[in-house]
Structures are given as structure tokens and as C-alpha cells.
Amino acid sequence: MLLVYTHKISPRLNYIFKHICTRILGVKVDFTTKIEVFIAHGDLKMSYTKQQLGNEFFIKSHEILFEQGLNDIDIHIQDWENTKCFFYLGEKSSMPFDIFSASFYLLSRYEEYLPHVKDEYGRFTATESLAFKAGFLHQPVVDIWAYKFREALQKQFPEFKFPERTYKIKPLIDVPSAYNYKLKGIMRTMGGSLKDFVRLRLKSLYTRFMVLLGFRHDPYDTFKYLINRQKTSEFKFLFFFLIGDYSTYDKGINPNKKKFVSLIKHVGDYCRIGLKISYFALEDDVLLKKEKQRMEEILNTNLIASRQSFSKLNLPETYRNLIALEIKEDYTMGYVNHIGFRAGSCTPFLFYDLDYEVQTPLKIVPYHLMDYALLKQRSLLDKKKVLNGIIDAVKQVDGEFVPVFHNYTFGDAKRWEGYKDLFNLILESPNEV
């Protein structure tokens, strides 16, 4: 166990030390404000305060972990060997940066509470983030810093054996609409056909009727392929089905359709199932509760995981709504059009509510890549190169790689050509040395 001497045990300090030491490094951590208890401790120990006591492992503390609410914080990014960091300490500290305060800033999403420009969907964008502006979005810096901390501690305590963790993957399959043409109802089918005709999309019109007459496979129906891939992988896929009502933003399948319900149950026999929360349910707790209950009736069990439509987050309200409904995991923390680490980490973490200054039970599992972000790369070779880059970044810290694909990504549309190869590359990545 690591014992930390500090002048004040605050909720923020407790939260971030437990994330870095326990969740990432696998080491239990405890705190004391008594010097005699600290001196008597015979195992791993360090001080995290304003002044060093003696010759112990010491990191000078930044004020952010002892403050409450939001404050103006000066952040100066500096290079640090193979990465970047902030909250520089100088040479008197055992590490050149206060990695705990820097990690807290990123994991708490401090910057998303501050004034910022939103996109047309009301989302915080990658280009507004500190990580993007400073050029470290492509690195899981929180995990990199934690490993540097482990390395420094190991030099001071060479006999201590740190537990090892292994690289993992968690593929997410987003299902905004299970079918492109099937189960859409008479009015939507007629409307879609008319739109195809007016816009001279004759190929789409032809495909629509061939699918409806049973002569062709629906292009969005890739579930058989995905279930077969699941059977060969030791890592469980997590499907997010949209079952919200039809709206401007969400145009899924009516959840009262028996064949749609049967599909969800069938996929659930092989994979995990979560709820893709509709756009209007994001800010409507009554609608959210309705969708949750609807999914629980289908699954006949408690709903564990959710993802927000359009990857939209309003902090802290979005997460508070999930907590109120006892949803345990959320998979929205990421960027649709940029690859990288929105919270600076590839390790799941608990949501810290900055307004209430409390660690919540909601587990945030950040995703690092969405299929749309790879469309920027023109060739399949370039896509593979970018994909391998992000996989290697996660492997360097033995983290968990979380990619998001859609059911239609595995269809035969030209824009998604080669995406099965990319998905297979991810599934095979844990077996590569």
C-alpha cells in the first residue's frame, strides 16, 4: 500500500490519487495528515504537500486539488520527454510536474465547465480542447504520466513489485437504425420512396423495393456478420440500440415492432446491450426514464450502459440524469470527428461532479475513435496507419482501446469500403506482440 502524507485530505485529492494509483497502477492508497504515522509506515510512501519533510519521495502540490468550484487557472504546457504536461514544479520535487493536479483537470473535464464555443449540435468540440490546442490529443497522457510516476517510485523503492495490467479492447457498435428499409412503416416507406424518386436516386429506390420484396438483404442488417465476429473474440462487443421515438434527429425503428425486439434479444444472446439515448431525452429526464424502462422490458434485466445520441454531453446535467436513474456506465466521452483521448486517458474513470465536489458512482468509459473520423484518410492504407497509431498509443500503457463503429459501417456502401479489414485489425490487436 502507498501512504500519502498531505496537509489536507480533500475529495479531489482522494479521487485522483485513487484513480492513478489504484485504477491505473493497481496499488492501494491511503492518506494521513500525521507526520508520526507517515514516518512509521514501512511500505511505499510519499508526501504531497507544499514543503518536503525530509528526503522522502515528494511532489509539491498545486492548489487545484484543495480548491472548490471553478477558478481561473494558468496552464502552461511544457515538453516532458516523449509527452507534454503542465503544472511545472521544478527540481525540488521528485517529479518535474504535479501529475495529480494535471490529471484531475483532464479527467474532471474542468475545461468543459468553462465558457467555450459549441458546434451546431451543442457539443464541446475537439478543437476547443486544451489537448488539441497543445498537440497531445493523440496520447493517453494521464496513463503516460501514471507510468512515469510508477517508474520514479520504483527507483526509490526497488524491492516493491508493481502489478502488471494488459492491453484490452472494447468494441462498441452504435445502432441508430437497425435497418435502412425494413420495418419503417407505410408512411415512412412511401415518403422515402418519393424522396428517392424526386432526387433521382434510382439505385436507392430499386434497392428499397428489392429489400422490401425479400430479394435483397437490407444494407444496414450486418448483425449476422458481427455476431460471427463476436464468436471468435474473447472481448465482448457492446451494442447500443436506439429505441427512442421518431424525431428530427433520431430516425430509428419503432420499438413496438416485434421483429426489432427479437433482433435486440438475439444480439443480446451473444453480446452486451446498452441504450443509445435519443437526442431529446438528453435533457428530458421523463423521456430518458421512459427509454430506460423500455429497454429493460426488452432485456428483462437492469440497464447498465448508455451512450448519448450524437455523442452529445452537457456537463454535469447529462451525467446527473444517468446517476438519478442508476445507470452505471456511460460511453459518450469522445469526439465524433477527431481521434484521440478527450479525457486524456484510456482507463475508465468515475465521474467527479465539480459543482457538488463529490465522486459519483457513474463509470465513464471514454472512446478513442469513431468510424467517421477515419473517413478523413483517403486510402485504406492511410486509415490502417492512423488506426495502428492509436492502438500503439494505448498499448504503450497497457490500456483499454475503445472504438465506435456503426452497424451500417459493415454494409456494402462505398464510403465504408475496407472497414471490415479495419475492424478485424482491432480484433486481432491483442494477439500481436
Protein backbone atom coordinates (compact mmCIF):
# COMPACT_ATOMS: atom_id res chain seq x y z
CA MET A 1 0.00 0.00 0.00
CA LEU A 2 1.10 3.55 -0.80
CA LEU A 3 0.74 6.00 2.08
CA VAL A 4 0.46 9.68 1.14
CA TYR A 5 1.23 12.42 3.63
CA THR A 6 -0.63 15.64 2.90
CA HIS A 7 -1.71 18.77 4.79
CA LYS A 8 -5.37 18.24 3.85
CA ILE A 9 -7.33 15.22 2.63
CA SER A 10 -9.77 16.76 0.14
CA PRO A 11 -12.37 14.95 -2.04
CA ARG A 12 -10.41 15.91 -5.17
CA LEU A 13 -7.15 14.56 -3.78
CA ASN A 14 -8.81 11.31 -2.70
CA TYR A 15 -10.43 10.93 -6.13
CA ILE A 16 -7.38 11.46 -8.35
CA PHE A 17 -4.88 9.53 -6.22
CA LYS A 18 -7.20 6.51 -6.19
CA HIS A 19 -7.62 6.72 -9.96
CA ILE A 20 -3.89 6.93 -10.73
CA CYS A 21 -2.61 4.61 -8.02
CA THR A 22 -5.39 2.03 -7.84
CA ARG A 23 -7.20 2.07 -11.20
CA ILE A 24 -4.12 2.53 -13.40
CA LEU A 25 -1.22 1.16 -11.33
CA GLY A 26 -3.12 -1.40 -9.25
CA VAL A 27 -1.75 -0.16 -5.92
CA LYS A 28 -3.93 0.62 -2.90
CA VAL A 29 -3.50 4.11 -1.49
CA ASP A 30 -4.23 5.71 1.86
CA PHE A 31 -3.70 9.20 3.29
CA THR A 32 -2.51 10.75 6.53
CA THR A 33 -2.06 14.25 7.91
CA LYS A 34 0.05 12.96 10.83
CA ILE A 35 3.83 13.01 10.41
CA GLU A 36 4.41 10.26 13.00
CA VAL A 37 2.07 7.86 11.13
CA PHE A 38 3.88 8.66 7.88
CA ILE A 39 7.35 8.05 9.42
CA ALA A 40 6.23 4.72 10.94
CA HIS A 41 4.90 3.37 7.61
CA GLY A 42 7.33 0.76 6.26
CA ASP A 43 5.98 0.34 2.72
CA LEU A 44 5.60 2.68 -0.29
CA LYS A 45 5.15 6.27 0.82
CA MET A 46 5.34 9.82 -0.47
CA SER A 47 4.43 13.33 0.59
CA TYR A 48 2.12 15.53 -1.40
CA THR A 49 2.10 18.94 0.20
CA LYS A 50 3.72 22.38 -0.02
CA GLN A 51 7.05 21.63 1.69
CA GLN A 52 9.17 18.49 1.74
CA LEU A 53 9.51 16.90 5.19
CA GLY A 54 12.95 15.38 4.67
CA ASN A 55 14.37 13.15 1.96
CA GLU A 56 11.15 11.28 1.18
CA PHE A 57 9.57 10.90 -2.27
CA PHE A 58 7.93 14.29 -2.64
CA ILE A 59 5.64 16.01 -5.11
CA LYS A 60 4.85 19.64 -4.45
CA SER A 61 1.09 20.12 -4.51
CA HIS A 62 -0.75 22.52 -6.80
CA GLU A 63 -3.71 24.33 -5.27
CA ILE A 64 -6.34 22.87 -7.62
CA LEU A 65 -6.81 19.71 -5.52
CA PHE A 66 -7.59 21.77 -2.42
CA GLU A 67 -9.92 24.29 -4.04
CA GLN A 68 -13.66 24.20 -4.52
CA GLY A 69 -15.62 25.21 -7.59
CA LEU A 70 -14.09 26.67 -10.72
CA ASN A 71 -11.26 29.17 -10.72
CA ASP A 72 -9.07 30.89 -13.30
CA ILE A 73 -6.10 28.58 -13.71
CA ASP A 74 -2.96 29.48 -15.61
CA ILE A 75 -1.91 26.50 -17.68
CA HIS A 76 1.47 26.44 -19.38
CA ILE A 77 2.13 23.33 -21.45
CA GLN A 78 5.71 22.10 -21.49
CA ASP A 79 7.50 19.21 -23.16
CA TRP A 80 8.34 16.26 -20.93
CA GLU A 81 10.47 13.62 -22.64
CA ASN A 82 8.10 11.80 -25.03
CA THR A 83 4.98 13.73 -23.99
CA LYS A 84 3.72 17.05 -22.62
CA CYS A 85 2.49 18.15 -19.20
CA PHE A 86 1.52 21.20 -17.15
CA PHE A 87 1.74 22.44 -13.55
CA TYR A 88 5.55 22.52 -13.61
CA LEU A 89 7.27 22.12 -10.22
CA GLY A 90 11.00 22.47 -10.82
CA GLU A 91 13.87 20.38 -9.47
CA LYS A 92 12.98 20.30 -5.75
CA SER A 93 10.22 17.79 -6.45
CA SER A 94 10.75 14.07 -7.17
CA MET A 95 8.86 14.61 -10.44
CA PRO A 96 9.03 17.78 -12.60
CA PHE A 97 5.23 18.16 -12.81
CA ASP A 98 2.26 17.76 -10.50
CA ILE A 99 0.71 14.91 -12.47
CA PHE A 100 -2.14 14.52 -9.97
CA SER A 101 -3.44 18.06 -10.44
CA ALA A 102 -2.93 17.89 -14.22
CA SER A 103 -4.76 14.54 -14.36
CA PHE A 104 -7.61 15.89 -12.26
CA TYR A 105 -8.00 18.85 -14.63
CA LEU A 106 -8.37 16.49 -17.61
CA LEU A 107 -10.48 13.72 -16.03
CA SER A 108 -12.93 16.08 -14.32
CA ARG A 109 -13.38 17.82 -17.72
CA TYR A 110 -12.74 21.11 -15.94
CA GLU A 111 -12.43 22.91 -19.27
CA GLU A 112 -15.90 21.78 -20.38
CA TYR A 113 -17.44 23.74 -17.49
CA LEU A 114 -15.67 26.91 -18.65
CA PRO A 115 -17.12 29.16 -21.42
CA HIS A 116 -16.50 27.65 -24.86
CA VAL A 117 -17.84 27.67 -28.42
CA LYS A 118 -20.18 24.77 -29.23
CA ASP A 119 -20.96 23.19 -32.60
CA GLU A 120 -24.39 23.07 -34.29
CA TYR A 121 -25.48 20.18 -32.04
CA GLY A 122 -24.40 21.98 -28.88
CA ARG A 123 -21.31 19.82 -28.38
CA PHE A 124 -17.90 20.61 -26.94
CA THR A 125 -15.54 20.08 -29.88
CA ALA A 126 -12.02 18.68 -30.04
CA THR A 127 -10.67 21.95 -31.44
CA GLU A 128 -11.80 23.78 -28.27
CA SER A 129 -9.84 21.41 -26.03
CA LEU A 130 -6.51 22.02 -24.36
CA ALA A 131 -5.27 18.65 -25.67
CA PHE A 132 -5.94 19.60 -29.29
CA LYS A 133 -4.50 23.11 -29.00
CA ALA A 134 -1.36 21.87 -27.23
CA GLY A 135 -0.90 18.87 -29.52
CA PHE A 136 -1.34 15.95 -27.13
CA LEU A 137 -4.86 14.74 -28.04
CA HIS A 138 -3.32 11.66 -29.67
CA GLN A 139 -1.75 10.50 -26.37
CA PRO A 140 -3.36 9.00 -23.24
CA VAL A 141 -1.32 11.46 -21.16
CA VAL A 142 -2.92 10.59 -17.80
CA ASP A 143 -1.80 6.98 -18.20
CA ILE A 144 1.62 8.01 -19.54
CA TRP A 145 2.14 10.28 -16.51
CA ALA A 146 0.99 7.48 -14.17
CA TYR A 147 3.59 5.14 -15.68
CA LYS A 148 6.28 7.81 -15.23
CA PHE A 149 5.19 8.10 -11.59
CA ARG A 150 5.49 4.31 -11.22
CA GLU A 151 8.97 4.41 -12.72
CA ALA A 152 10.09 7.16 -10.32
CA LEU A 153 8.61 5.31 -7.32
CA GLN A 154 10.31 2.09 -8.42
CA LYS A 155 13.72 3.79 -8.27
CA GLN A 156 13.06 4.89 -4.70
CA PHE A 157 11.53 1.54 -3.67
CA PRO A 158 13.32 -1.07 -5.84
CA GLU A 159 12.01 -4.04 -3.79
CA PHE A 160 8.37 -3.20 -4.41
CA LYS A 161 6.68 -5.19 -7.18
CA PHE A 162 4.01 -3.33 -9.09
CA PRO A 163 1.18 -5.43 -10.56
CA GLU A 164 1.01 -5.61 -14.35
CA ARG A 165 -2.05 -4.86 -16.44
CA THR A 166 -2.68 -5.98 -20.02
CA TYR A 167 -3.92 -4.27 -23.16
CA LYS A 168 -7.63 -4.85 -23.85
CA ILE A 169 -10.22 -3.83 -26.41
CA LYS A 170 -13.91 -2.99 -26.02
CA PRO A 171 -15.61 -2.64 -29.44
CA LEU A 172 -18.78 -0.51 -29.39
CA ILE A 173 -21.44 -0.94 -32.07
CA ASP A 174 -23.77 2.03 -32.40
CA VAL A 175 -27.20 1.21 -33.88
CA PRO A 176 -29.15 4.42 -34.62
CA SER A 177 -31.29 2.40 -37.04
CA ALA A 178 -31.14 -1.38 -37.32
CA TYR A 179 -32.42 -1.33 -40.91
CA ASN A 180 -32.28 1.11 -43.79
CA TYR A 181 -35.51 -0.01 -45.46
CA LYS A 182 -37.17 -2.73 -43.38
CA LEU A 183 -39.68 -2.14 -40.55
CA LYS A 184 -40.07 1.56 -41.37
CA GLY A 185 -43.86 1.56 -41.69
CA ILE A 186 -46.04 2.54 -44.67
CA MET A 187 -45.81 6.33 -44.31
CA ARG A 188 -42.01 6.43 -43.92
CA THR A 189 -41.55 3.93 -46.77
CA MET A 190 -43.76 5.99 -49.09
CA GLY A 191 -42.02 9.21 -48.05
CA GLY A 192 -38.57 7.69 -48.57
CA SER A 193 -39.56 6.30 -51.98
CA LEU A 194 -40.93 9.66 -53.09
CA LYS A 195 -37.76 11.43 -51.94
CA ASP A 196 -35.60 8.92 -53.85
CA PHE A 197 -37.71 9.44 -56.97
CA VAL A 198 -37.67 13.27 -56.79
CA ARG A 199 -33.90 13.31 -56.24
CA LEU A 200 -33.41 10.71 -59.00
CA ARG A 201 -31.80 8.25 -56.60
CA LEU A 202 -32.99 5.36 -58.72
CA LYS A 203 -30.47 2.87 -57.35
CA SER A 204 -31.72 3.52 -53.80
CA LEU A 205 -35.33 3.23 -54.98
CA TYR A 206 -34.58 -0.08 -56.69
CA THR A 207 -32.72 -1.44 -53.63
CA ARG A 208 -35.56 -0.35 -51.34
CA PHE A 209 -38.16 -2.39 -53.21
CA MET A 210 -35.86 -5.39 -53.68
CA VAL A 211 -35.28 -5.44 -49.90
CA LEU A 212 -38.98 -4.99 -49.09
CA LEU A 213 -39.92 -7.79 -51.51
CA GLY A 214 -37.35 -10.08 -49.89
CA PHE A 215 -34.99 -10.37 -52.88
CA ARG A 216 -32.11 -8.48 -51.28
CA HIS A 217 -30.52 -8.10 -47.89
CA ASP A 218 -31.08 -4.80 -46.04
CA PRO A 219 -27.74 -2.91 -46.23
CA TYR A 220 -27.85 -1.98 -42.51
CA ASP A 221 -28.53 -5.56 -41.41
CA THR A 222 -24.97 -6.64 -40.60
CA PHE A 223 -25.83 -8.36 -37.32
CA LYS A 224 -25.08 -11.89 -38.51
CA TYR A 225 -21.57 -10.81 -39.52
CA LEU A 226 -21.00 -9.06 -36.19
CA ILE A 227 -22.26 -11.99 -34.12
CA ASN A 228 -19.93 -14.31 -36.05
CA ARG A 229 -17.01 -11.97 -35.32
CA GLN A 230 -18.03 -11.90 -31.65
CA LYS A 231 -17.86 -15.70 -31.52
CA THR A 232 -14.16 -15.58 -32.40
CA SER A 233 -13.24 -12.78 -29.97
CA GLU A 234 -12.63 -13.06 -26.23
CA PHE A 235 -13.65 -9.41 -25.76
CA LYS A 236 -17.38 -8.71 -25.55
CA PHE A 237 -18.86 -6.27 -28.06
CA LEU A 238 -21.26 -3.70 -26.64
CA PHE A 239 -24.24 -2.76 -28.86
CA PHE A 240 -26.17 0.47 -28.31
CA PHE A 241 -29.68 0.34 -29.77
CA LEU A 242 -31.76 3.47 -30.27
CA ILE A 243 -35.33 2.79 -29.13
CA GLY A 244 -36.47 6.41 -28.73
CA ASP A 245 -39.41 7.90 -30.60
CA TYR A 246 -39.04 9.16 -34.18
CA SER A 247 -37.83 12.79 -34.28
CA THR A 248 -35.87 15.35 -36.30
CA TYR A 249 -32.58 13.87 -35.09
CA ASP A 250 -33.42 10.22 -34.44
CA LYS A 251 -34.98 8.10 -37.15
CA GLY A 252 -34.73 4.60 -35.78
CA ILE A 253 -37.12 1.64 -35.80
CA ASN A 254 -40.36 1.69 -33.82
CA PRO A 255 -39.54 -0.23 -30.59
CA ASN A 256 -43.03 -1.78 -30.64
CA LYS A 257 -42.14 -3.81 -33.75
CA LYS A 258 -41.79 -7.43 -32.66
CA LYS A 259 -39.06 -8.22 -35.20
CA PHE A 260 -36.94 -5.33 -33.88
CA VAL A 261 -37.39 -6.51 -30.29
CA SER A 262 -36.44 -10.04 -31.39
CA LEU A 263 -33.29 -8.68 -33.04
CA ILE A 264 -32.19 -6.91 -29.83
CA LYS A 265 -32.82 -10.08 -27.80
CA HIS A 266 -30.93 -12.19 -30.37
CA VAL A 267 -27.89 -9.89 -30.34
CA GLY A 268 -28.08 -9.89 -26.53
CA ASP A 269 -27.58 -13.67 -26.52
CA TYR A 270 -24.01 -13.11 -27.74
CA CYS A 271 -23.07 -9.52 -26.88
CA ARG A 272 -23.73 -6.87 -24.23
CA ILE A 273 -26.59 -4.45 -24.88
CA GLY A 274 -26.75 -0.77 -23.92
CA LEU A 275 -29.15 2.09 -24.61
CA LYS A 276 -28.46 4.74 -27.23
CA ILE A 277 -30.26 7.66 -25.62
CA SER A 278 -32.23 9.75 -28.10
CA TYR A 279 -31.34 13.40 -28.75
CA PHE A 280 -34.37 14.85 -26.98
CA ALA A 281 -34.03 12.53 -23.98
CA LEU A 282 -30.63 14.08 -23.21
CA GLU A 283 -32.27 16.99 -21.43
CA ASP A 284 -35.64 15.42 -20.59
CA ASP A 285 -35.41 13.08 -17.59
CA VAL A 286 -39.02 11.88 -18.07
CA LEU A 287 -38.25 10.81 -21.65
CA LEU A 288 -34.95 9.26 -20.54
CA LYS A 289 -36.70 7.23 -17.85
CA LYS A 290 -39.23 6.02 -20.43
CA GLU A 291 -36.46 4.85 -22.79
CA LYS A 292 -34.60 3.13 -19.97
CA GLN A 293 -37.73 1.26 -18.86
CA ARG A 294 -38.48 0.32 -22.47
CA MET A 295 -35.03 -1.22 -22.90
CA GLU A 296 -35.23 -3.04 -19.55
CA GLU A 297 -38.53 -4.60 -20.61
CA ILE A 298 -36.88 -5.85 -23.79
CA LEU A 299 -33.79 -7.19 -21.99
CA ASN A 300 -35.69 -8.37 -18.92
CA THR A 301 -32.83 -7.09 -16.76
CA ASN A 302 -31.46 -3.80 -15.40
CA LEU A 303 -29.87 -1.46 -17.92
CA ILE A 304 -26.16 -0.96 -17.18
CA ALA A 305 -24.73 1.09 -20.06
CA SER A 306 -25.69 4.11 -22.14
CA ARG A 307 -24.43 6.29 -24.97
CA GLN A 308 -25.81 9.71 -25.87
CA SER A 309 -27.14 10.37 -29.35
CA PHE A 310 -24.69 12.38 -31.49
CA SER A 311 -22.10 11.92 -28.69
CA LYS A 312 -23.56 15.00 -27.03
CA LEU A 313 -22.71 15.77 -23.40
CA ASN A 314 -23.92 18.63 -21.24
CA LEU A 315 -21.81 18.56 -18.10
CA PRO A 316 -22.77 17.95 -15.40
CA GLU A 317 -26.52 17.61 -16.19
CA THR A 318 -26.22 14.66 -18.61
CA TYR A 319 -24.33 12.55 -16.09
CA ARG A 320 -26.54 13.58 -13.18
CA ASN A 321 -29.58 12.33 -15.09
CA LEU A 322 -27.90 8.96 -15.62
CA ILE A 323 -26.93 8.72 -11.95
CA ALA A 324 -30.50 9.53 -10.88
CA LEU A 325 -31.72 6.58 -12.98
CA GLU A 326 -28.98 4.31 -11.62
CA ILE A 327 -27.31 3.77 -15.00
CA LYS A 328 -23.82 2.58 -14.08
CA GLU A 329 -21.71 3.16 -17.22
CA ASP A 330 -21.60 5.78 -19.96
CA TYR A 331 -19.73 5.56 -23.28
CA THR A 332 -20.13 9.09 -24.71
CA MET A 333 -16.76 10.61 -23.73
CA GLY A 334 -15.00 11.05 -27.06
CA TYR A 335 -15.07 13.05 -30.29
CA VAL A 336 -17.00 12.11 -33.42
CA ASN A 337 -14.63 13.71 -35.93
CA HIS A 338 -11.28 13.52 -34.13
CA ILE A 339 -9.28 10.51 -32.99
CA GLY A 340 -7.76 10.73 -29.54
CA PHE A 341 -8.31 10.94 -25.81
CA ARG A 342 -10.94 13.52 -24.79
CA ALA A 343 -10.28 12.99 -21.09
CA GLY A 344 -6.58 12.24 -21.62
CA SER A 345 -6.98 8.61 -20.60
CA CYS A 346 -7.58 5.08 -21.86
CA THR A 347 -8.62 3.84 -18.42
CA PRO A 348 -12.29 4.03 -17.33
CA PHE A 349 -12.84 6.51 -14.50
CA LEU A 350 -15.60 7.67 -12.17
CA PHE A 351 -17.37 10.95 -12.89
CA TYR A 352 -16.37 13.71 -10.49
CA ASP A 353 -19.08 16.37 -10.09
CA LEU A 354 -17.26 19.71 -9.84
CA ASP A 355 -20.38 21.57 -8.69
CA TYR A 356 -21.06 19.25 -5.76
CA GLU A 357 -17.38 18.34 -5.18
CA VAL A 358 -18.13 14.65 -4.99
CA GLN A 359 -17.02 11.44 -6.69
CA THR A 360 -20.07 9.76 -8.19
CA PRO A 361 -20.69 6.04 -8.86
CA LEU A 362 -21.04 6.64 -12.63
CA LYS A 363 -18.26 4.91 -14.56
CA ILE A 364 -17.10 6.83 -17.64
CA VAL A 365 -15.61 4.65 -20.37
CA PRO A 366 -14.05 7.03 -22.92
CA TYR A 367 -13.93 6.02 -26.58
CA HIS A 368 -10.90 6.91 -28.67
CA LEU A 369 -12.03 6.52 -32.26
CA MET A 370 -15.28 6.67 -34.18
CA ASP A 371 -15.52 5.21 -37.67
CA TYR A 372 -16.40 8.67 -39.09
CA ALA A 373 -13.04 10.10 -38.01
CA LEU A 374 -11.24 7.66 -40.31
CA LEU A 375 -13.11 8.96 -43.36
CA LYS A 376 -10.63 11.87 -43.43
CA GLN A 377 -7.99 9.39 -44.61
CA ARG A 378 -8.44 8.76 -48.31
CA SER A 379 -6.81 5.37 -48.75
CA LEU A 380 -7.28 2.19 -46.75
CA LEU A 381 -3.51 2.16 -46.19
CA ASP A 382 -3.68 5.59 -44.55
CA LYS A 383 -6.65 4.52 -42.43
CA LYS A 384 -4.70 1.48 -41.21
CA LYS A 385 -1.68 3.65 -40.42
CA VAL A 386 -3.77 6.05 -38.30
CA LEU A 387 -5.59 3.17 -36.61
CA ASN A 388 -2.33 1.40 -35.77
CA GLY A 389 -1.02 4.67 -34.32
CA ILE A 390 -3.86 4.99 -31.81
CA ILE A 391 -3.71 1.28 -30.95
CA ASP A 392 0.03 1.56 -30.26
CA ALA A 393 -0.57 4.61 -28.03
CA VAL A 394 -2.96 2.54 -25.88
CA LYS A 395 -0.66 -0.50 -25.91
CA GLN A 396 2.24 1.60 -24.59
CA VAL A 397 0.36 1.98 -21.30
CA ASP A 398 -1.45 -1.40 -21.36
CA GLY A 399 -4.77 0.43 -21.53
CA GLU A 400 -8.20 -0.35 -22.96
CA PHE A 401 -8.86 0.63 -26.57
CA VAL A 402 -12.49 1.60 -27.20
CA PRO A 403 -13.51 2.12 -30.86
CA VAL A 404 -17.04 3.01 -32.04
CA PHE A 405 -18.40 1.51 -35.26
CA HIS A 406 -21.97 1.57 -36.61
CA ASN A 407 -23.98 -1.39 -37.87
CA TYR A 408 -24.15 0.19 -41.36
CA THR A 409 -20.33 0.57 -41.43
CA PHE A 410 -20.13 -3.13 -42.29
CA GLY A 411 -22.58 -2.89 -45.19
CA ASP A 412 -21.65 -2.53 -48.85
CA ALA A 413 -21.80 1.28 -49.14
CA LYS A 414 -18.75 2.63 -51.00
CA ARG A 415 -17.73 5.14 -48.29
CA TRP A 416 -17.28 2.26 -45.81
CA GLU A 417 -15.17 0.13 -48.14
CA GLY A 418 -12.41 -1.67 -46.24
CA TYR A 419 -13.90 -1.06 -42.80
CA LYS A 420 -14.28 -4.77 -42.13
CA ASP A 421 -10.50 -5.01 -42.52
CA LEU A 422 -10.05 -2.16 -40.02
CA PHE A 423 -12.41 -3.83 -37.56
CA ASN A 424 -10.53 -7.12 -37.91
CA LEU A 425 -7.25 -5.28 -37.33
CA ILE A 426 -8.65 -4.07 -33.98
CA LEU A 427 -9.94 -7.53 -33.03
CA GLU A 428 -6.55 -9.06 -33.76
CA SER A 429 -4.54 -6.33 -31.99
CA PRO A 430 -4.49 -8.03 -28.53
CA ASN A 431 -2.78 -11.09 -30.07
CA GLU A 432 0.04 -9.10 -31.67
CA VAL A 433 3.25 -8.73 -29.69
